[in-house]
Amino acid sequence: MMDAAKVYQKILREPTSKAVETQKEISRIIGCSIYLGHQNKYIDEHPFEFIDNIKNYTLNTKERIKKYLDYDQTLSGGSYGGGWDDQTNEACSEDVKKILRGIKK
């Protein structure tokens, strides 16, 4: 959840200059969430609901929605999703991997 919150904060800070990079981060977070969901231990929500919840909490004012729309417009017409290979623990951030290592001990 922290990774998703950070990426949506990045959208608010830099909606257009790093839009493609930011979208790749979102794809990575979704891949990690799908991986965790397949483990049936670590995440209860469907990955897309998880991301949508963070998005809804973050985009809670007109100003923030405007920045998100600028970001979305910058990506318009592109294809940025990850593939099946991205749905492994390798898609997870180092913070998540560290937590997973602690759980498995």
PDB file of N, CA and C in Angstrom:
ATOM      1  N   MET A   1       0.828  -1.195   0.000  1.00  0.00           N
ATOM      2  CA  MET A   1       0.000   0.000   0.000  1.00  0.00           C
ATOM      3  C   MET A   1       0.868   1.254   0.000  1.00  0.00           C
ATOM      4  N   MET A   2       1.980   1.187   0.737  1.00  0.00           N
ATOM      5  CA  MET A   2       2.869   2.358   0.775  1.00  0.00           C
ATOM      6  C   MET A   2       3.454   2.640  -0.601  1.00  0.00           C
ATOM      7  N   ASP A   3       3.820   1.584  -1.343  1.00  0.00           N
ATOM      8  CA  ASP A   3       4.363   1.785  -2.690  1.00  0.00           C
ATOM      9  C   ASP A   3       3.334   2.465  -3.586  1.00  0.00           C
ATOM     10  N   ALA A   4       2.084   2.023  -3.511  1.00  0.00           N
ATOM     11  CA  ALA A   4       1.024   2.631  -4.322  1.00  0.00           C
ATOM     12  C   ALA A   4       0.791   4.081  -3.908  1.00  0.00           C
ATOM     13  N   ALA A   5       0.783   4.349  -2.618  1.00  0.00           N
ATOM     14  CA  ALA A   5       0.591   5.723  -2.142  1.00  0.00           C
ATOM     15  C   ALA A   5       1.713   6.629  -2.636  1.00  0.00           C
ATOM     16  N   LYS A   6       2.941   6.119  -2.615  1.00  0.00           N
ATOM     17  CA  LYS A   6       4.087   6.919  -3.081  1.00  0.00           C
ATOM     18  C   LYS A   6       3.963   7.255  -4.558  1.00  0.00           C
ATOM     19  N   VAL A   7       3.520   6.293  -5.357  1.00  0.00           N
ATOM     20  CA  VAL A   7       3.436   6.548  -6.792  1.00  0.00           C
ATOM     21  C   VAL A   7       2.321   7.547  -7.105  1.00  0.00           C
ATOM     22  N   TYR A   8       1.225   7.503  -6.364  1.00  0.00           N
ATOM     23  CA  TYR A   8       0.172   8.500  -6.598  1.00  0.00           C
ATOM     24  C   TYR A   8       0.592   9.886  -6.110  1.00  0.00           C
ATOM     25  N   GLN A   9       1.405   9.952  -5.090  1.00  0.00           N
ATOM     26  CA  GLN A   9       1.969  11.236  -4.675  1.00  0.00           C
ATOM     27  C   GLN A   9       2.889  11.785  -5.767  1.00  0.00           C
ATOM     28  N   LYS A  10       3.626  10.881  -6.406  1.00  0.00           N
ATOM     29  CA  LYS A  10       4.510  11.287  -7.510  1.00  0.00           C
ATOM     30  C   LYS A  10       3.691  11.883  -8.659  1.00  0.00           C
ATOM     31  N   ILE A  11       2.530  11.292  -8.938  1.00  0.00           N
ATOM     32  CA  ILE A  11       1.654  11.821  -9.982  1.00  0.00           C
ATOM     33  C   ILE A  11       1.240  13.251  -9.638  1.00  0.00           C
ATOM     34  N   LEU A  12       0.954  13.500  -8.376  1.00  0.00           N
ATOM     35  CA  LEU A  12       0.542  14.846  -7.966  1.00  0.00           C
ATOM     36  C   LEU A  12       1.690  15.846  -8.060  1.00  0.00           C
ATOM     37  N   ARG A  13       2.918  15.387  -7.776  1.00  0.00           N
ATOM     38  CA  ARG A  13       4.081  16.281  -7.841  1.00  0.00           C
ATOM     39  C   ARG A  13       4.522  16.544  -9.284  1.00  0.00           C
ATOM     40  N   GLU A  14       4.535  15.488 -10.098  1.00  0.00           N
ATOM     41  CA  GLU A  14       5.041  15.595 -11.472  1.00  0.00           C
ATOM     42  C   GLU A  14       4.097  14.862 -12.423  1.00  0.00           C
ATOM     43  N   PRO A  15       2.933  15.458 -12.711  1.00  0.00           N
ATOM     44  CA  PRO A  15       1.934  14.736 -13.485  1.00  0.00           C
ATOM     45  C   PRO A  15       2.328  14.427 -14.927  1.00  0.00           C
ATOM     46  N   THR A  16       3.167  15.247 -15.537  1.00  0.00           N
ATOM     47  CA  THR A  16       3.453  15.015 -16.955  1.00  0.00           C
ATOM     48  C   THR A  16       4.903  14.661 -17.256  1.00  0.00           C
ATOM     49  N   SER A  17       5.850  15.229 -16.537  1.00  0.00           N
ATOM     50  CA  SER A  17       7.256  15.058 -16.905  1.00  0.00           C
ATOM     51  C   SER A  17       7.759  13.626 -16.744  1.00  0.00           C
ATOM     52  N   LYS A  18       7.154  12.865 -15.846  1.00  0.00           N
ATOM     53  CA  LYS A  18       7.599  11.485 -15.623  1.00  0.00           C
ATOM     54  C   LYS A  18       6.428  10.508 -15.726  1.00  0.00           C
ATOM     55  N   ALA A  19       5.473  10.821 -16.593  1.00  0.00           N
ATOM     56  CA  ALA A  19       4.246  10.022 -16.674  1.00  0.00           C
ATOM     57  C   ALA A  19       4.522   8.574 -17.068  1.00  0.00           C
ATOM     58  N   VAL A  20       5.348   8.343 -18.079  1.00  0.00           N
ATOM     59  CA  VAL A  20       5.619   6.973 -18.535  1.00  0.00           C
ATOM     60  C   VAL A  20       6.344   6.188 -17.441  1.00  0.00           C
ATOM     61  N   GLU A  21       7.334   6.797 -16.817  1.00  0.00           N
ATOM     62  CA  GLU A  21       8.061   6.161 -15.720  1.00  0.00           C
ATOM     63  C   GLU A  21       7.111   5.819 -14.566  1.00  0.00           C
ATOM     64  N   THR A  22       6.214   6.740 -14.261  1.00  0.00           N
ATOM     65  CA  THR A  22       5.262   6.534 -13.179  1.00  0.00           C
ATOM     66  C   THR A  22       4.300   5.399 -13.519  1.00  0.00           C
ATOM     67  N   GLN A  23       3.843   5.340 -14.765  1.00  0.00           N
ATOM     68  CA  GLN A  23       2.933   4.272 -15.173  1.00  0.00           C
ATOM     69  C   GLN A  23       3.617   2.906 -15.071  1.00  0.00           C
ATOM     70  N   LYS A  24       4.906   2.849 -15.384  1.00  0.00           N
ATOM     71  CA  LYS A  24       5.651   1.593 -15.231  1.00  0.00           C
ATOM     72  C   LYS A  24       5.708   1.170 -13.763  1.00  0.00           C
ATOM     73  N   GLU A  25       5.824   2.150 -12.870  1.00  0.00           N
ATOM     74  CA  GLU A  25       5.815   1.846 -11.439  1.00  0.00           C
ATOM     75  C   GLU A  25       4.460   1.287 -11.015  1.00  0.00           C
ATOM     76  N   ILE A  26       3.378   1.855 -11.545  1.00  0.00           N
ATOM     77  CA  ILE A  26       2.043   1.354 -11.228  1.00  0.00           C
ATOM     78  C   ILE A  26       1.891  -0.082 -11.735  1.00  0.00           C
ATOM     79  N   SER A  27       2.374  -0.360 -12.931  1.00  0.00           N
ATOM     80  CA  SER A  27       2.317  -1.724 -13.474  1.00  0.00           C
ATOM     81  C   SER A  27       3.094  -2.691 -12.591  1.00  0.00           C
ATOM     82  N   ARG A  28       4.237  -2.248 -12.086  1.00  0.00           N
ATOM     83  CA  ARG A  28       5.051  -3.094 -11.193  1.00  0.00           C
ATOM     84  C   ARG A  28       4.297  -3.374  -9.897  1.00  0.00           C
ATOM     85  N   ILE A  29       3.668  -2.361  -9.349  1.00  0.00           N
ATOM     86  CA  ILE A  29       2.909  -2.524  -8.111  1.00  0.00           C
ATOM     87  C   ILE A  29       1.743  -3.490  -8.323  1.00  0.00           C
ATOM     88  N   ILE A  30       1.065  -3.379  -9.449  1.00  0.00           N
ATOM     89  CA  ILE A  30      -0.032  -4.305  -9.763  1.00  0.00           C
ATOM     90  C   ILE A  30       0.513  -5.728  -9.887  1.00  0.00           C
ATOM     91  N   GLY A  31       1.655  -5.888 -10.567  1.00  0.00           N
ATOM     92  CA  GLY A  31       2.269  -7.212 -10.684  1.00  0.00           C
ATOM     93  C   GLY A  31       2.603  -7.808  -9.330  1.00  0.00           C
ATOM     94  N   CYS A  32       3.151  -7.003  -8.450  1.00  0.00           N
ATOM     95  CA  CYS A  32       3.469  -7.457  -7.094  1.00  0.00           C
ATOM     96  C   CYS A  32       2.186  -7.830  -6.349  1.00  0.00           C
ATOM     97  N   SER A  33       1.154  -7.018  -6.479  1.00  0.00           N
ATOM     98  CA  SER A  33      -0.116  -7.290  -5.800  1.00  0.00           C
ATOM     99  C   SER A  33      -0.732  -8.596  -6.297  1.00  0.00           C
ATOM    100  N   ILE A  34      -0.649  -8.841  -7.601  1.00  0.00           N
ATOM    101  CA  ILE A  34      -1.167 -10.096  -8.155  1.00  0.00           C
ATOM    102  C   ILE A  34      -0.371 -11.267  -7.591  1.00  0.00           C
ATOM    103  N   TYR A  35       0.939 -11.118  -7.541  1.00  0.00           N
ATOM    104  CA  TYR A  35       1.784 -12.165  -6.959  1.00  0.00           C
ATOM    105  C   TYR A  35       1.371 -12.445  -5.509  1.00  0.00           C
ATOM    106  N   LEU A  36       1.223 -11.395  -4.713  1.00  0.00           N
ATOM    107  CA  LEU A  36       0.846 -11.565  -3.315  1.00  0.00           C
ATOM    108  C   LEU A  36      -0.542 -12.194  -3.196  1.00  0.00           C
ATOM    109  N   GLY A  37      -1.456 -11.804  -4.088  1.00  0.00           N
ATOM    110  CA  GLY A  37      -2.791 -12.386  -4.084  1.00  0.00           C
ATOM    111  C   GLY A  37      -2.766 -13.874  -4.380  1.00  0.00           C
ATOM    112  N   HIS A  38      -1.883 -14.294  -5.281  1.00  0.00           N
ATOM    113  CA  HIS A  38      -1.756 -15.715  -5.602  1.00  0.00           C
ATOM    114  C   HIS A  38      -1.180 -16.512  -4.440  1.00  0.00           C
ATOM    115  N   GLN A  39      -0.517 -15.843  -3.537  1.00  0.00           N
ATOM    116  CA  GLN A  39       0.042 -16.533  -2.377  1.00  0.00           C
ATOM    117  C   GLN A  39      -1.045 -16.856  -1.351  1.00  0.00           C
ATOM    118  N   ASN A  40      -2.221 -16.229  -1.506  1.00  0.00           N
ATOM    119  CA  ASN A  40      -3.369 -16.448  -0.618  1.00  0.00           C
ATOM    120  C   ASN A  40      -3.070 -16.207   0.853  1.00  0.00           C
ATOM    121  N   LYS A  41      -2.047 -15.427   1.146  1.00  0.00           N
ATOM    122  CA  LYS A  41      -1.701 -15.173   2.538  1.00  0.00           C
ATOM    123  C   LYS A  41      -1.564 -13.691   2.838  1.00  0.00           C
ATOM    124  N   TYR A  42      -1.106 -12.948   1.867  1.00  0.00           N
ATOM    125  CA  TYR A  42      -0.613 -11.612   2.146  1.00  0.00           C
ATOM    126  C   TYR A  42      -1.566 -10.479   1.789  1.00  0.00           C
ATOM    127  N   ILE A  43      -2.521 -10.736   0.901  1.00  0.00           N
ATOM    128  CA  ILE A  43      -3.383  -9.637   0.456  1.00  0.00           C
ATOM    129  C   ILE A  43      -4.795 -10.172   0.245  1.00  0.00           C
ATOM    130  N   ASP A  44      -5.778  -9.491   0.794  1.00  0.00           N
ATOM    131  CA  ASP A  44      -7.157  -9.947   0.711  1.00  0.00           C
ATOM    132  C   ASP A  44      -7.902  -9.339  -0.473  1.00  0.00           C
ATOM    133  N   GLU A  45      -7.531  -8.136  -0.865  1.00  0.00           N
ATOM    134  CA  GLU A  45      -8.237  -7.447  -1.938  1.00  0.00           C
ATOM    135  C   GLU A  45      -7.734  -7.893  -3.306  1.00  0.00           C
ATOM    136  N   HIS A  46      -8.585  -7.761  -4.308  1.00  0.00           N
ATOM    137  CA  HIS A  46      -8.157  -7.958  -5.692  1.00  0.00           C
ATOM    138  C   HIS A  46      -7.188  -6.821  -6.013  1.00  0.00           C
ATOM    139  N   PRO A  47      -6.099  -7.108  -6.740  1.00  0.00           N
ATOM    140  CA  PRO A  47      -5.085  -6.067  -6.983  1.00  0.00           C
ATOM    141  C   PRO A  47      -5.628  -4.781  -7.581  1.00  0.00           C
ATOM    142  N   PHE A  48      -6.605  -4.868  -8.478  1.00  0.00           N
ATOM    143  CA  PHE A  48      -7.105  -3.647  -9.088  1.00  0.00           C
ATOM    144  C   PHE A  48      -7.976  -2.849  -8.105  1.00  0.00           C
ATOM    145  N   GLU A  49      -8.681  -3.522  -7.222  1.00  0.00           N
ATOM    146  CA  GLU A  49      -9.429  -2.833  -6.174  1.00  0.00           C
ATOM    147  C   GLU A  49      -8.468  -2.134  -5.213  1.00  0.00           C
ATOM    148  N   PHE A  50      -7.388  -2.816  -4.900  1.00  0.00           N
ATOM    149  CA  PHE A  50      -6.343  -2.293  -4.020  1.00  0.00           C
ATOM    150  C   PHE A  50      -5.799  -0.978  -4.580  1.00  0.00           C
ATOM    151  N   ILE A  51      -5.426  -0.983  -5.869  1.00  0.00           N
ATOM    152  CA  ILE A  51      -4.890   0.222  -6.506  1.00  0.00           C
ATOM    153  C   ILE A  51      -5.971   1.304  -6.587  1.00  0.00           C
ATOM    154  N   ASP A  52      -7.188   0.921  -6.936  1.00  0.00           N
ATOM    155  CA  ASP A  52      -8.276   1.904  -7.020  1.00  0.00           C
ATOM    156  C   ASP A  52      -8.557   2.556  -5.672  1.00  0.00           C
ATOM    157  N   ASN A  53      -8.473   1.791  -4.589  1.00  0.00           N
ATOM    158  CA  ASN A  53      -8.695   2.379  -3.263  1.00  0.00           C
ATOM    159  C   ASN A  53      -7.655   3.441  -2.946  1.00  0.00           C
ATOM    160  N   ILE A  54      -6.398   3.148  -3.229  1.00  0.00           N
ATOM    161  CA  ILE A  54      -5.322   4.133  -3.004  1.00  0.00           C
ATOM    162  C   ILE A  54      -5.567   5.363  -3.881  1.00  0.00           C
ATOM    163  N   LYS A  55      -5.915   5.120  -5.130  1.00  0.00           N
ATOM    164  CA  LYS A  55      -6.188   6.215  -6.067  1.00  0.00           C
ATOM    165  C   LYS A  55      -7.325   7.096  -5.544  1.00  0.00           C
ATOM    166  N   ASN A  56      -8.396   6.482  -5.086  1.00  0.00           N
ATOM    167  CA  ASN A  56      -9.543   7.244  -4.592  1.00  0.00           C
ATOM    168  C   ASN A  56      -9.207   8.050  -3.340  1.00  0.00           C
ATOM    169  N   TYR A  57      -8.409   7.491  -2.457  1.00  0.00           N
ATOM    170  CA  TYR A  57      -8.004   8.227  -1.248  1.00  0.00           C
ATOM    171  C   TYR A  57      -7.123   9.423  -1.606  1.00  0.00           C
ATOM    172  N   THR A  58      -6.303   9.257  -2.635  1.00  0.00           N
ATOM    173  CA  THR A  58      -5.346  10.302  -3.010  1.00  0.00           C
ATOM    174  C   THR A  58      -6.003  11.408  -3.822  1.00  0.00           C
ATOM    175  N   LEU A  59      -6.870  11.035  -4.754  1.00  0.00           N
ATOM    176  CA  LEU A  59      -7.476  12.020  -5.659  1.00  0.00           C
ATOM    177  C   LEU A  59      -8.795  12.522  -5.070  1.00  0.00           C
ATOM    178  N   ASN A  60      -8.678  13.214  -3.964  1.00  0.00           N
ATOM    179  CA  ASN A  60      -9.860  13.613  -3.211  1.00  0.00           C
ATOM    180  C   ASN A  60     -10.193  15.100  -3.286  1.00  0.00           C
ATOM    181  N   THR A  61      -9.539  15.832  -4.177  1.00  0.00           N
ATOM    182  CA  THR A  61      -9.879  17.238  -4.389  1.00  0.00           C
ATOM    183  C   THR A  61      -9.879  17.524  -5.889  1.00  0.00           C
ATOM    184  N   LYS A  62     -10.518  18.625  -6.288  1.00  0.00           N
ATOM    185  CA  LYS A  62     -10.550  19.000  -7.703  1.00  0.00           C
ATOM    186  C   LYS A  62      -9.143  19.237  -8.246  1.00  0.00           C
ATOM    187  N   GLU A  63      -8.303  19.867  -7.449  1.00  0.00           N
ATOM    188  CA  GLU A  63      -6.927  20.160  -7.872  1.00  0.00           C
ATOM    189  C   GLU A  63      -6.155  18.857  -8.136  1.00  0.00           C
ATOM    190  N   ARG A  64      -6.307  17.894  -7.260  1.00  0.00           N
ATOM    191  CA  ARG A  64      -5.611  16.612  -7.426  1.00  0.00           C
ATOM    192  C   ARG A  64      -6.155  15.846  -8.632  1.00  0.00           C
ATOM    193  N   ILE A  65      -7.459  15.896  -8.819  1.00  0.00           N
ATOM    194  CA  ILE A  65      -8.059  15.230  -9.982  1.00  0.00           C
ATOM    195  C   ILE A  65      -7.548  15.863 -11.264  1.00  0.00           C
ATOM    196  N   LYS A  66      -7.420  17.191 -11.291  1.00  0.00           N
ATOM    197  CA  LYS A  66      -6.887  17.898 -12.472  1.00  0.00           C
ATOM    198  C   LYS A  66      -5.475  17.414 -12.781  1.00  0.00           C
ATOM    199  N   LYS A  67      -4.631  17.267 -11.769  1.00  0.00           N
ATOM    200  CA  LYS A  67      -3.268  16.785 -11.991  1.00  0.00           C
ATOM    201  C   LYS A  67      -3.281  15.354 -12.522  1.00  0.00           C
ATOM    202  N   TYR A  68      -4.177  14.531 -11.993  1.00  0.00           N
ATOM    203  CA  TYR A  68      -4.271  13.156 -12.485  1.00  0.00           C
ATOM    204  C   TYR A  68      -4.728  13.147 -13.947  1.00  0.00           C
ATOM    205  N   LEU A  69      -5.676  14.012 -14.289  1.00  0.00           N
ATOM    206  CA  LEU A  69      -6.135  14.079 -15.686  1.00  0.00           C
ATOM    207  C   LEU A  69      -5.013  14.548 -16.613  1.00  0.00           C
ATOM    208  N   ASP A  70      -4.159  15.456 -16.154  1.00  0.00           N
ATOM    209  CA  ASP A  70      -2.984  15.872 -16.933  1.00  0.00           C
ATOM    210  C   ASP A  70      -2.061  14.679 -17.159  1.00  0.00           C
ATOM    211  N   TYR A  71      -1.837  13.915 -16.111  1.00  0.00           N
ATOM    212  CA  TYR A  71      -1.011  12.698 -16.193  1.00  0.00           C
ATOM    213  C   TYR A  71      -1.627  11.714 -17.194  1.00  0.00           C
ATOM    214  N   ASP A  72      -2.923  11.472 -17.052  1.00  0.00           N
ATOM    215  CA  ASP A  72      -3.628  10.526 -17.907  1.00  0.00           C
ATOM    216  C   ASP A  72      -3.578  10.975 -19.372  1.00  0.00           C
ATOM    217  N   GLN A  73      -3.748  12.260 -19.612  1.00  0.00           N
ATOM    218  CA  GLN A  73      -3.687  12.788 -20.973  1.00  0.00           C
ATOM    219  C   GLN A  73      -2.300  12.606 -21.576  1.00  0.00           C
ATOM    220  N   THR A  74      -1.268  12.756 -20.765  1.00  0.00           N
ATOM    221  CA  THR A  74       0.104  12.557 -21.240  1.00  0.00           C
ATOM    222  C   THR A  74       0.304  11.127 -21.733  1.00  0.00           C
ATOM    223  N   LEU A  75      -0.342  10.176 -21.098  1.00  0.00           N
ATOM    224  CA  LEU A  75      -0.216   8.761 -21.472  1.00  0.00           C
ATOM    225  C   LEU A  75      -1.160   8.355 -22.594  1.00  0.00           C
ATOM    226  N   SER A  76      -2.069   9.225 -22.967  1.00  0.00           N
ATOM    227  CA  SER A  76      -3.100   8.904 -23.936  1.00  0.00           C
ATOM    228  C   SER A  76      -2.519   8.297 -25.217  1.00  0.00           C
ATOM    229  N   GLY A  77      -3.091   7.165 -25.612  1.00  0.00           N
ATOM    230  CA  GLY A  77      -2.673   6.513 -26.860  1.00  0.00           C
ATOM    231  C   GLY A  77      -1.562   5.508 -26.701  1.00  0.00           C
ATOM    232  N   GLY A  78      -0.970   5.418 -25.528  1.00  0.00           N
ATOM    233  CA  GLY A  78       0.129   4.487 -25.316  1.00  0.00           C
ATOM    234  C   GLY A  78      -0.341   3.189 -24.693  1.00  0.00           C
ATOM    235  N   SER A  79       0.548   2.213 -24.704  1.00  0.00           N
ATOM    236  CA  SER A  79       0.287   0.926 -24.071  1.00  0.00           C
ATOM    237  C   SER A  79       1.412   0.667 -23.079  1.00  0.00           C
ATOM    238  N   TYR A  80       1.075   0.511 -21.803  1.00  0.00           N
ATOM    239  CA  TYR A  80       2.112   0.484 -20.773  1.00  0.00           C
ATOM    240  C   TYR A  80       2.021  -0.680 -19.803  1.00  0.00           C
ATOM    241  N   GLY A  81       1.078  -1.578 -19.969  1.00  0.00           N
ATOM    242  CA  GLY A  81       0.885  -2.662 -19.015  1.00  0.00           C
ATOM    243  C   GLY A  81       2.021  -3.668 -19.020  1.00  0.00           C
ATOM    244  N   GLY A  82       2.163  -4.364 -17.919  1.00  0.00           N
ATOM    245  CA  GLY A  82       3.158  -5.413 -17.798  1.00  0.00           C
ATOM    246  C   GLY A  82       2.608  -6.739 -18.283  1.00  0.00           C
ATOM    247  N   GLY A  83       3.455  -7.721 -18.370  1.00  0.00           N
ATOM    248  CA  GLY A  83       3.047  -9.044 -18.810  1.00  0.00           C
ATOM    249  C   GLY A  83       2.995 -10.014 -17.655  1.00  0.00           C
ATOM    250  N   TRP A  84       2.752 -11.279 -17.965  1.00  0.00           N
ATOM    251  CA  TRP A  84       2.675 -12.322 -16.939  1.00  0.00           C
ATOM    252  C   TRP A  84       3.977 -12.441 -16.178  1.00  0.00           C
ATOM    253  N   ASP A  85       5.086 -12.170 -16.827  1.00  0.00           N
ATOM    254  CA  ASP A  85       6.383 -12.271 -16.161  1.00  0.00           C
ATOM    255  C   ASP A  85       6.535 -11.288 -15.014  1.00  0.00           C
ATOM    256  N   ASP A  86       5.721 -10.242 -15.024  1.00  0.00           N
ATOM    257  CA  ASP A  86       5.805  -9.211 -13.983  1.00  0.00           C
ATOM    258  C   ASP A  86       5.065  -9.597 -12.707  1.00  0.00           C
ATOM    259  N   GLN A  87       4.392 -10.743 -12.708  1.00  0.00           N
ATOM    260  CA  GLN A  87       3.576 -11.138 -11.561  1.00  0.00           C
ATOM    261  C   GLN A  87       4.343 -12.113 -10.668  1.00  0.00           C
ATOM    262  N   THR A  88       5.537 -11.725 -10.308  1.00  0.00           N
ATOM    263  CA  THR A  88       6.377 -12.526  -9.420  1.00  0.00           C
ATOM    264  C   THR A  88       6.859 -11.641  -8.283  1.00  0.00           C
ATOM    265  N   ASN A  89       7.572 -12.250  -7.349  1.00  0.00           N
ATOM    266  CA  ASN A  89       8.107 -11.438  -6.265  1.00  0.00           C
ATOM    267  C   ASN A  89       9.127 -10.422  -6.767  1.00  0.00           C
ATOM    268  N   GLU A  90       9.648 -10.615  -7.969  1.00  0.00           N
ATOM    269  CA  GLU A  90      10.597  -9.648  -8.528  1.00  0.00           C
ATOM    270  C   GLU A  90       9.926  -8.312  -8.849  1.00  0.00           C
ATOM    271  N   ALA A  91       8.613  -8.314  -9.009  1.00  0.00           N
ATOM    272  CA  ALA A  91       7.890  -7.063  -9.249  1.00  0.00           C
ATOM    273  C   ALA A  91       7.759  -6.239  -7.971  1.00  0.00           C
ATOM    274  N   CYS A  92       7.979  -6.876  -6.841  1.00  0.00           N
ATOM    275  CA  CYS A  92       7.809  -6.203  -5.553  1.00  0.00           C
ATOM    276  C   CYS A  92       9.027  -5.337  -5.217  1.00  0.00           C
ATOM    277  N   SER A  93       8.783  -4.266  -4.508  1.00  0.00           N
ATOM    278  CA  SER A  93       9.865  -3.375  -4.082  1.00  0.00           C
ATOM    279  C   SER A  93      10.738  -4.081  -3.050  1.00  0.00           C
ATOM    280  N   GLU A  94      11.892  -3.518  -2.807  1.00  0.00           N
ATOM    281  CA  GLU A  94      12.803  -4.097  -1.805  1.00  0.00           C
ATOM    282  C   GLU A  94      12.172  -4.104  -0.415  1.00  0.00           C
ATOM    283  N   ASP A  95      11.363  -3.096  -0.118  1.00  0.00           N
ATOM    284  CA  ASP A  95      10.678  -3.060   1.183  1.00  0.00           C
ATOM    285  C   ASP A  95       9.731  -4.247   1.329  1.00  0.00           C
ATOM    286  N   VAL A  96       8.978  -4.555   0.278  1.00  0.00           N
ATOM    287  CA  VAL A  96       8.049  -5.688   0.328  1.00  0.00           C
ATOM    288  C   VAL A  96       8.830  -6.994   0.430  1.00  0.00           C
ATOM    289  N   LYS A  97       9.899  -7.129  -0.346  1.00  0.00           N
ATOM    290  CA  LYS A  97      10.719  -8.354  -0.294  1.00  0.00           C
ATOM    291  C   LYS A  97      11.288  -8.568   1.110  1.00  0.00           C
ATOM    292  N   LYS A  98      11.694  -7.486   1.737  1.00  0.00           N
ATOM    293  CA  LYS A  98      12.242  -7.581   3.094  1.00  0.00           C
ATOM    294  C   LYS A  98      11.172  -8.085   4.062  1.00  0.00           C
ATOM    295  N   ILE A  99       9.961  -7.567   3.939  1.00  0.00           N
ATOM    296  CA  ILE A  99       8.866  -8.011   4.791  1.00  0.00           C
ATOM    297  C   ILE A  99       8.560  -9.484   4.535  1.00  0.00           C
ATOM    298  N   LEU A 100       8.540  -9.882   3.258  1.00  0.00           N
ATOM    299  CA  LEU A 100       8.260 -11.281   2.921  1.00  0.00           C
ATOM    300  C   LEU A 100       9.319 -12.220   3.491  1.00  0.00           C
ATOM    301  N   ARG A 101      10.585 -11.796   3.441  1.00  0.00           N
ATOM    302  CA  ARG A 101      11.642 -12.616   4.025  1.00  0.00           C
ATOM    303  C   ARG A 101      11.430 -12.788   5.522  1.00  0.00           C
ATOM    304  N   GLY A 102      10.991 -11.737   6.189  1.00  0.00           N
ATOM    305  CA  GLY A 102      10.728 -11.814   7.625  1.00  0.00           C
ATOM    306  C   GLY A 102       9.565 -12.726   7.948  1.00  0.00           C
ATOM    307  N   ILE A 103       8.540 -12.748   7.095  1.00  0.00           N
ATOM    308  CA  ILE A 103       7.371 -13.605   7.312  1.00  0.00           C
ATOM    309  C   ILE A 103       7.736 -15.077   7.129  1.00  0.00           C
ATOM    310  N   LYS A 104       8.579 -15.354   6.150  1.00  0.00           N
ATOM    311  CA  LYS A 104       8.922 -16.744   5.824  1.00  0.00           C
ATOM    312  C   LYS A 104       9.841 -17.400   6.829  1.00  0.00           C
ATOM    313  N   LYS A 105      10.451 -16.618   7.710  1.00  0.00           N
ATOM    314  CA  LYS A 105      11.399 -17.188   8.691  1.00  0.00           C
ATOM    315  C   LYS A 105      10.689 -17.990   9.750  1.00  0.00           C
TER     316      LYS A 105
END
